[in-house]
């Protein structure tokens, strides 16, 4: 099943900025941001219960397999805020290896255990693909082979599946600064979508630490979403978390496929877009050998702002927009966690009849869908 929600635009520039984005001299002390992190993690009572008119307006705009159908759910924001061992070979074997490298260097150099042992691992994605991946050989996922039967079996592990473009001086940043910003963008993707502790229901401190603490509307959204998630404040838009009482990750590998791109944004900022699909194999928390996969695609746009024009902190980004599609993440009420269905639960009574291929990356995340539907594969 799938559910779609829009997260329209909410202006994401730092608090204390004039209409043109210039400083007005105000800032938020470090101790205030530390208190924000503490309250979002602990659910302290001093988190704002009645947000400002601007925060309420922003929150309002934030509303918005083959044999067995797999639940699919999508959050689709419109235009949101402006986030070993050594070995030796001699004689004939050495000659044979050299011959293979000469004939197919990509196949040898690209092998790191990330792909299907029975097939060549895919090269990184450097642009939008023109077709969905083909079907893989049949078979159900198991504890030993959690990606069996999925196109993700040939994807890379973790951040290795996220292609990072070559850096060039852009906007207010030098080439070296762009390179650093791209690396930190990938750090955020790892902290929000790959961190084992967060996947097991933990608090995403590392991810939050990379977000501009002066971006008040985003701070309010994140604090509320982690403390008291609801339809208007769903942390799954940004962070991947499973309820440890309901599901457990299988193994330590998350397969990914996606890429970063960048351009000059507002006021000379470096605007980085991340489009990444994550595949999470999970099993029931109480035990058993059933394995299902939760597939999540996120399109996130971050702004690395010029501190002379926007109030920010070194090494922190402002969140411009975020869109999320999820397969088998749950189609009920918002709980703050993915809640995959086990036992072939099917599309359920709210199914709209629409079908989606969660591995199809040929277009952007579709906006405006609503209701629950069926994924064509998992």
Protein backbone atom coordinates (compact mmCIF):
# COMPACT_ATOMS: atom_id res chain seq x y z
CA UNK A 1 0.00 0.00 0.00
CA UNK A 2 1.04 3.56 -0.44
CA UNK A 3 0.10 6.85 1.07
CA UNK A 4 1.04 10.21 -0.36
CA UNK A 5 1.26 13.52 1.43
CA UNK A 6 2.42 16.88 0.16
CA UNK A 7 4.92 19.03 2.01
CA UNK A 8 4.59 22.40 0.29
CA UNK A 9 6.97 25.30 0.52
CA UNK A 10 7.83 26.88 3.83
CA UNK A 11 10.45 29.56 3.76
CA UNK A 12 13.60 28.09 5.28
CA UNK A 13 15.90 31.08 5.73
CA UNK A 14 17.40 31.62 9.14
CA UNK A 15 15.60 33.52 11.86
CA UNK A 16 16.74 37.08 12.20
CA UNK A 17 17.05 37.69 8.46
CA UNK A 18 15.64 40.66 6.59
CA UNK A 19 13.61 40.32 3.43
CA UNK A 20 16.76 40.27 1.36
CA UNK A 21 18.45 37.64 3.49
CA UNK A 22 20.87 40.05 5.22
CA UNK A 23 21.93 39.81 8.87
CA UNK A 24 20.15 41.88 11.45
CA UNK A 25 22.72 41.09 14.15
CA UNK A 26 20.68 38.46 16.05
CA UNK A 27 21.85 34.89 16.65
CA UNK A 28 20.99 31.86 18.73
CA UNK A 29 23.58 30.90 21.38
CA UNK A 30 25.08 27.43 21.39
CA UNK A 31 23.37 26.60 24.66
CA UNK A 32 19.94 27.23 23.06
CA UNK A 33 20.65 24.75 20.26
CA UNK A 34 21.98 22.22 22.77
CA UNK A 35 18.76 22.62 24.74
CA UNK A 36 16.81 22.07 21.49
CA UNK A 37 18.65 18.78 20.89
CA UNK A 38 18.05 17.71 24.49
CA UNK A 39 14.34 18.48 24.44
CA UNK A 40 13.74 16.77 21.12
CA UNK A 41 15.51 13.66 22.42
CA UNK A 42 13.92 13.60 25.87
CA UNK A 43 10.50 15.07 25.10
CA UNK A 44 10.90 17.78 27.73
CA UNK A 45 7.89 19.90 28.46
CA UNK A 46 9.47 23.16 27.37
CA UNK A 47 9.20 22.26 23.67
CA UNK A 48 6.77 24.76 22.13
CA UNK A 49 3.17 23.63 22.44
CA UNK A 50 1.68 26.64 20.69
CA UNK A 51 3.93 27.57 17.71
CA UNK A 52 4.11 31.04 16.26
CA UNK A 53 1.80 32.08 13.41
CA UNK A 54 4.67 31.49 10.96
CA UNK A 55 5.36 28.03 12.37
CA UNK A 56 1.63 27.17 12.26
CA UNK A 57 1.47 28.29 8.64
CA UNK A 58 4.54 26.20 7.79
CA UNK A 59 3.12 23.19 9.61
CA UNK A 60 -0.13 23.60 7.70
CA UNK A 61 1.73 23.42 4.44
CA UNK A 62 3.59 20.34 5.65
CA UNK A 63 0.30 18.34 5.59
CA UNK A 64 -0.60 17.66 2.82
CA UNK A 65 5.85 -8.02 -4.54
CA UNK A 66 4.56 -9.97 -7.49
CA UNK A 67 2.79 -12.78 -5.65
CA UNK A 68 1.72 -10.72 -2.69
CA UNK A 69 0.98 -7.00 -2.86
CA UNK A 70 3.45 -4.92 -0.88
CA UNK A 71 2.36 -1.87 1.11
CA UNK A 72 3.63 1.39 -0.35
CA UNK A 73 3.37 4.82 1.17
CA UNK A 74 4.54 8.13 -0.13
CA UNK A 75 5.11 11.57 1.29
CA UNK A 76 5.33 14.00 -1.60
CA UNK A 77 6.10 17.59 -0.69
CA UNK A 78 5.40 20.16 -3.33
CA UNK A 79 7.98 22.93 -2.91
CA UNK A 80 8.93 22.82 0.77
CA UNK A 81 11.29 24.93 2.93
CA UNK A 82 13.84 27.11 0.95
CA UNK A 83 17.96 18.80 3.74
CA UNK A 84 42.02 -7.76 4.82
CA UNK A 85 43.85 -10.44 4.26
CA UNK A 86 46.70 -10.15 1.79
CA UNK A 87 46.91 -12.56 -1.17
CA UNK A 88 49.60 -13.46 -3.65
CA UNK A 89 49.36 -14.77 -7.21
CA UNK A 90 52.23 -16.02 -9.31
CA UNK A 91 52.88 -17.31 -12.80
CA UNK A 92 49.77 -18.28 -14.72
CA UNK A 93 47.26 -16.89 -12.21
CA UNK A 94 48.91 -13.47 -12.24
CA UNK A 95 48.78 -13.42 -16.03
CA UNK A 96 45.13 -14.42 -15.97
CA UNK A 97 44.23 -11.60 -13.56
CA UNK A 98 46.04 -9.05 -15.71
CA UNK A 99 44.15 -10.28 -18.75
CA UNK A 100 40.79 -9.92 -17.00
CA UNK A 101 41.65 -6.41 -15.86
CA UNK A 102 42.65 -5.44 -19.36
CA UNK A 103 39.45 -6.80 -20.85
CA UNK A 104 37.05 -5.53 -18.21
CA UNK A 105 38.65 -3.06 -15.78
CA UNK A 106 35.31 -1.85 -14.46
CA UNK A 107 34.26 -5.34 -13.45
CA UNK A 108 37.37 -5.89 -11.32
CA UNK A 109 37.95 -2.43 -9.94
CA UNK A 110 34.27 -1.96 -9.17
CA UNK A 111 33.95 -5.22 -7.20
CA UNK A 112 33.92 -4.73 -3.45
CA UNK A 113 31.40 -7.33 -2.39
CA UNK A 114 28.50 -4.90 -2.92
CA UNK A 115 26.78 -6.57 -5.85
CA UNK A 116 25.23 -9.89 -6.71
CA UNK A 117 27.89 -12.66 -6.58
CA UNK A 118 26.16 -14.11 -9.65
CA UNK A 119 26.13 -10.83 -11.58
CA UNK A 120 28.20 -7.74 -12.20
CA UNK A 121 27.59 -4.95 -9.67
CA UNK A 122 26.14 -1.79 -11.13
CA UNK A 123 28.24 1.28 -11.76
CA UNK A 124 27.25 4.36 -9.77
CA UNK A 125 24.27 6.36 -10.99
CA UNK A 126 25.52 9.66 -12.43
CA UNK A 127 22.28 10.87 -14.01
CA UNK A 128 18.59 10.09 -14.13
CA UNK A 129 18.12 6.59 -15.62
CA UNK A 130 15.90 6.18 -18.68
CA UNK A 131 14.35 2.88 -17.59
CA UNK A 132 13.52 0.97 -14.44
CA UNK A 133 15.84 -1.91 -13.47
CA UNK A 134 14.90 -5.30 -14.94
CA UNK A 135 13.44 -8.07 -12.84
CA UNK A 136 15.94 -10.19 -10.92
CA UNK A 137 15.82 -14.00 -10.76
CA UNK A 138 12.96 -15.15 -8.57
CA UNK A 139 13.18 -16.15 -4.96
CA UNK A 140 12.09 -14.83 -1.62
CA UNK A 141 14.30 -12.89 0.77
CA UNK A 142 15.87 -14.91 3.59
CA UNK A 143 17.91 -14.09 6.67
CA UNK A 144 21.02 -15.26 4.82
CA UNK A 145 20.10 -13.51 1.54
CA UNK A 146 17.90 -10.53 2.46
CA UNK A 147 18.16 -8.90 -1.00
CA UNK A 148 17.41 -12.04 -2.98
CA UNK A 149 15.00 -11.39 -5.86
CA UNK A 150 15.45 -7.61 -5.64
CA UNK A 151 17.26 -5.28 -8.07
CA UNK A 152 19.06 -3.98 -4.98
CA UNK A 153 21.10 -7.19 -4.85
CA UNK A 154 23.43 -5.51 -7.37
CA UNK A 155 23.43 -2.12 -5.67
CA UNK A 156 26.25 -0.88 -3.47
CA UNK A 157 26.23 -0.85 0.32
CA UNK A 158 25.59 2.30 2.31
CA UNK A 159 27.16 5.53 1.14
CA UNK A 160 29.02 3.68 -1.63
CA UNK A 161 25.77 3.72 -3.59
CA UNK A 162 25.47 7.53 -3.49
CA UNK A 163 27.36 9.11 -6.39
CA UNK A 164 29.11 12.41 -5.61
CA UNK A 165 29.97 14.66 -8.59
CA UNK A 166 33.32 16.36 -9.09
CA UNK A 167 33.55 19.66 -7.24
CA UNK A 168 33.89 23.03 -8.96
CA UNK A 169 33.86 26.51 -7.47
CA UNK A 170 30.21 27.58 -7.22
CA UNK A 171 28.59 30.70 -5.78
CA UNK A 172 30.41 31.88 -2.68
CA UNK A 173 32.34 28.60 -2.31
CA UNK A 174 35.75 27.59 -3.63
CA UNK A 175 36.30 24.17 -5.19
CA UNK A 176 37.62 22.82 -1.88
CA UNK A 177 34.62 24.22 0.01
CA UNK A 178 32.19 22.68 -2.48
CA UNK A 179 33.95 19.34 -2.08
CA UNK A 180 33.60 19.62 1.70
CA UNK A 181 29.91 20.57 1.46
CA UNK A 182 29.20 17.57 -0.78
CA UNK A 183 30.95 15.28 1.71
CA UNK A 184 28.92 16.73 4.57
CA UNK A 185 25.73 16.31 2.56
CA UNK A 186 26.52 12.62 2.24
CA UNK A 187 27.32 12.55 5.97
CA UNK A 188 23.78 13.83 6.61
CA UNK A 189 22.29 11.13 4.38
CA UNK A 190 24.27 8.51 6.30
CA UNK A 191 23.28 9.92 9.70
CA UNK A 192 19.59 10.19 8.76
CA UNK A 193 19.12 7.05 6.66
CA UNK A 194 21.92 4.58 7.44
CA UNK A 195 22.95 4.98 11.09
CA UNK A 196 22.34 1.57 12.75
CA UNK A 197 21.33 3.15 16.07
CA UNK A 198 18.79 5.43 14.38
CA UNK A 199 17.42 2.55 12.30
CA UNK A 200 16.76 0.73 15.57
CA UNK A 201 14.65 3.61 16.83
CA UNK A 202 17.34 5.91 18.19
CA UNK A 203 17.44 9.70 18.13
CA UNK A 204 19.20 11.19 15.03
CA UNK A 205 21.55 13.55 16.89
CA UNK A 206 24.31 13.39 14.27
CA UNK A 207 21.91 14.33 11.48
CA UNK A 208 20.34 17.17 13.45
CA UNK A 209 23.79 18.55 14.31
CA UNK A 210 24.36 19.25 10.59
CA UNK A 211 21.16 21.31 10.26
CA UNK A 212 21.17 25.10 10.58
CA UNK A 213 20.08 25.79 14.19
CA UNK A 214 18.79 29.24 13.19
CA UNK A 215 16.19 27.85 10.76
CA UNK A 216 13.30 28.23 13.17
CA UNK A 217 10.49 26.56 11.18
CA UNK A 218 12.59 23.45 10.57
CA UNK A 219 13.66 23.34 14.21
CA UNK A 220 10.02 23.42 15.27
CA UNK A 221 9.08 20.69 12.78
CA UNK A 222 11.94 18.37 13.83
CA UNK A 223 11.35 18.87 17.55
CA UNK A 224 7.63 18.18 17.28
CA UNK A 225 8.03 15.26 14.87
CA UNK A 226 10.43 13.42 17.17
CA UNK A 227 8.55 14.26 20.37
CA UNK A 228 4.92 13.89 19.25
CA UNK A 229 4.63 12.73 15.61
CA UNK A 230 1.37 13.29 13.78
CA UNK A 231 0.05 13.85 10.27
CA UNK A 232 1.64 17.31 10.16
CA UNK A 233 4.93 16.29 11.76
CA UNK A 234 6.24 12.98 10.44
CA UNK A 235 9.95 12.36 11.16
CA UNK A 236 10.05 9.71 8.42
CA UNK A 237 10.15 12.55 5.90
CA UNK A 238 13.78 13.04 6.96
CA UNK A 239 14.88 10.10 9.13
CA UNK A 240 14.66 6.29 8.78
CA UNK A 241 13.58 4.62 12.04
CA UNK A 242 11.99 1.28 12.91
CA UNK A 243 10.02 0.53 16.05
CA UNK A 244 12.25 -1.99 17.87
CA UNK A 245 9.14 -3.59 19.36
CA UNK A 246 7.76 -4.35 15.90
CA UNK A 247 10.67 -4.96 13.46
CA UNK A 248 14.39 -5.61 13.49
CA UNK A 249 16.90 -4.89 10.69
CA UNK A 250 18.37 -8.01 9.08
CA UNK A 251 22.15 -7.75 9.05
CA UNK A 252 24.14 -4.54 8.87
CA UNK A 253 23.76 -3.79 5.16
CA UNK A 254 21.44 -1.20 3.63
CA UNK A 255 21.53 -1.09 -0.17
CA UNK A 256 21.43 2.33 -1.80
CA UNK A 257 21.28 3.88 -5.23
CA UNK A 258 21.28 7.56 -6.00
CA UNK A 259 23.29 10.69 -6.61
CA UNK A 260 24.06 14.22 -5.56
CA UNK A 261 23.94 17.23 -7.87
CA UNK A 262 24.51 20.91 -7.19
CA UNK A 263 24.12 24.41 -8.56
CA UNK A 264 24.32 28.01 -7.43
CA UNK A 265 21.25 28.92 -5.41
CA UNK A 266 19.80 31.99 -3.75
CA UNK A 267 22.26 34.70 -2.70
CA UNK A 268 25.17 32.70 -4.10
CA UNK A 269 24.50 29.67 -1.86
CA UNK A 270 25.53 26.16 -2.89
CA UNK A 271 22.27 24.26 -3.49
CA UNK A 272 22.73 20.49 -3.29
CA UNK A 273 20.06 17.99 -4.34
CA UNK A 274 20.17 14.40 -3.09
CA UNK A 275 18.00 11.75 -4.79
CA UNK A 276 18.58 8.40 -3.09
CA UNK A 277 16.68 5.12 -2.74
CA UNK A 278 17.36 2.98 0.36
CA UNK A 279 16.44 -0.70 0.70
CA UNK A 280 16.05 -2.01 4.26
CA UNK A 281 15.55 -5.76 4.92
CA UNK A 282 13.72 -6.40 8.20
CA UNK A 283 12.26 -9.28 10.17
CA UNK A 284 9.67 -9.44 12.98
CA UNK A 285 10.99 -8.17 16.28
CA UNK A 286 9.74 -11.23 18.12
CA UNK A 287 11.79 -13.66 16.04
CA UNK A 288 11.11 -15.87 13.06
CA UNK A 289 12.74 -16.10 9.66
CA UNK A 290 10.34 -14.03 7.55
CA UNK A 291 12.14 -11.18 5.78
CA UNK A 292 10.46 -8.27 4.05
CA UNK A 293 11.98 -5.16 2.53
CA UNK A 294 11.14 -1.52 3.18
CA UNK A 295 12.12 0.69 0.24
CA UNK A 296 12.45 4.42 0.79
CA UNK A 297 13.26 7.08 -1.78
CA UNK A 298 14.06 10.62 -0.69
CA UNK A 299 14.63 13.78 -2.70
CA UNK A 300 16.19 16.36 -0.40
CA UNK A 301 17.46 19.84 -1.31
CA UNK A 302 19.97 21.54 1.00
CA UNK A 303 21.41 25.05 0.93
CA UNK A 304 24.97 25.70 2.10
CA UNK A 305 24.59 29.40 2.76
CA UNK A 306 27.04 32.29 2.68
CA UNK A 307 27.36 33.30 6.38
CA UNK A 308 27.77 36.90 5.25
CA UNK A 309 24.19 36.81 3.90
CA UNK A 310 22.34 34.19 5.93
CA UNK A 311 22.58 33.45 9.64
CA UNK A 312 23.96 29.95 9.90
CA UNK A 313 26.75 27.98 11.55
CA UNK A 314 29.93 26.59 10.01
CA UNK A 315 29.35 23.11 8.65
CA UNK A 316 25.54 23.41 8.80
CA UNK A 317 23.00 23.57 5.98
CA UNK A 318 19.53 25.06 5.61
CA UNK A 319 16.79 22.66 4.50
CA UNK A 320 15.01 23.78 1.33
CA UNK A 321 12.75 20.84 0.46
CA UNK A 322 12.15 17.17 1.12
CA UNK A 323 10.03 14.47 -0.54
CA UNK A 324 9.70 10.86 0.54
CA UNK A 325 8.19 7.72 -1.00
CA UNK A 326 8.12 4.52 1.01
CA UNK A 327 7.17 0.93 0.24
CA UNK A 328 5.94 -1.32 3.05
CA UNK A 329 6.58 1.40 5.63
CA UNK A 330 3.05 1.25 6.99
CA UNK A 331 -0.24 2.74 5.84
CA UNK A 332 -1.87 3.50 9.16
CA UNK A 333 -1.52 6.50 11.43
CA UNK A 334 1.78 8.31 11.87
CA UNK A 335 3.85 6.75 14.66
CA UNK A 336 7.30 8.16 13.89
CA UNK A 337 8.52 4.71 12.80
CA UNK A 338 8.34 2.51 9.72
CA UNK A 339 5.96 -0.33 10.53
CA UNK A 340 6.34 -2.99 7.80
CA UNK A 341 3.65 -5.60 7.33
CA UNK A 342 4.57 -9.25 7.81
CA UNK A 343 2.67 -12.32 6.77
CA UNK A 344 1.53 -10.97 3.38
CA UNK A 345 -0.83 -8.36 4.78
CA UNK A 346 -1.76 -7.12 1.33
CA UNK A 347 -3.01 -3.74 0.19
CA UNK A 348 -5.69 -3.42 2.85
CA UNK A 349 -9.10 -1.76 2.82
CA UNK A 350 -7.80 1.71 1.93
CA UNK A 351 -6.15 0.63 -1.31
CA UNK A 352 -6.81 3.03 -4.17
CA UNK A 353 -5.84 0.60 -6.90
CA UNK A 354 -2.84 2.60 -8.15
CA UNK A 355 0.37 0.63 -8.54
CA UNK A 356 3.95 1.87 -8.26
CA UNK A 357 7.35 0.31 -8.98
CA UNK A 358 9.50 1.40 -6.01
CA UNK A 359 12.71 0.72 -7.97
CA UNK A 360 11.77 3.01 -10.85
CA UNK A 361 13.99 6.11 -10.66
CA UNK A 362 13.29 7.42 -14.15
CA UNK A 363 11.32 10.41 -12.91
CA UNK A 364 10.99 12.60 -9.84
CA UNK A 365 8.84 11.60 -6.90
CA UNK A 366 5.27 12.12 -8.04
CA UNK A 367 3.42 14.88 -6.23
CA UNK A 368 -0.20 14.93 -5.25
CA UNK A 369 -0.93 11.22 -4.69
CA UNK A 370 -3.12 10.38 -1.74
CA UNK A 371 -4.36 7.13 -0.29
CA UNK A 372 -2.94 3.59 -0.23
CA UNK A 373 -1.94 1.61 -3.27
CA UNK A 374 0.15 -1.41 -4.27
CA UNK A 375 3.84 -1.75 -5.10
CA UNK A 376 4.56 -3.99 -8.08
CA UNK A 377 7.61 -5.55 -6.41
CA UNK A 378 9.71 -5.38 -3.27
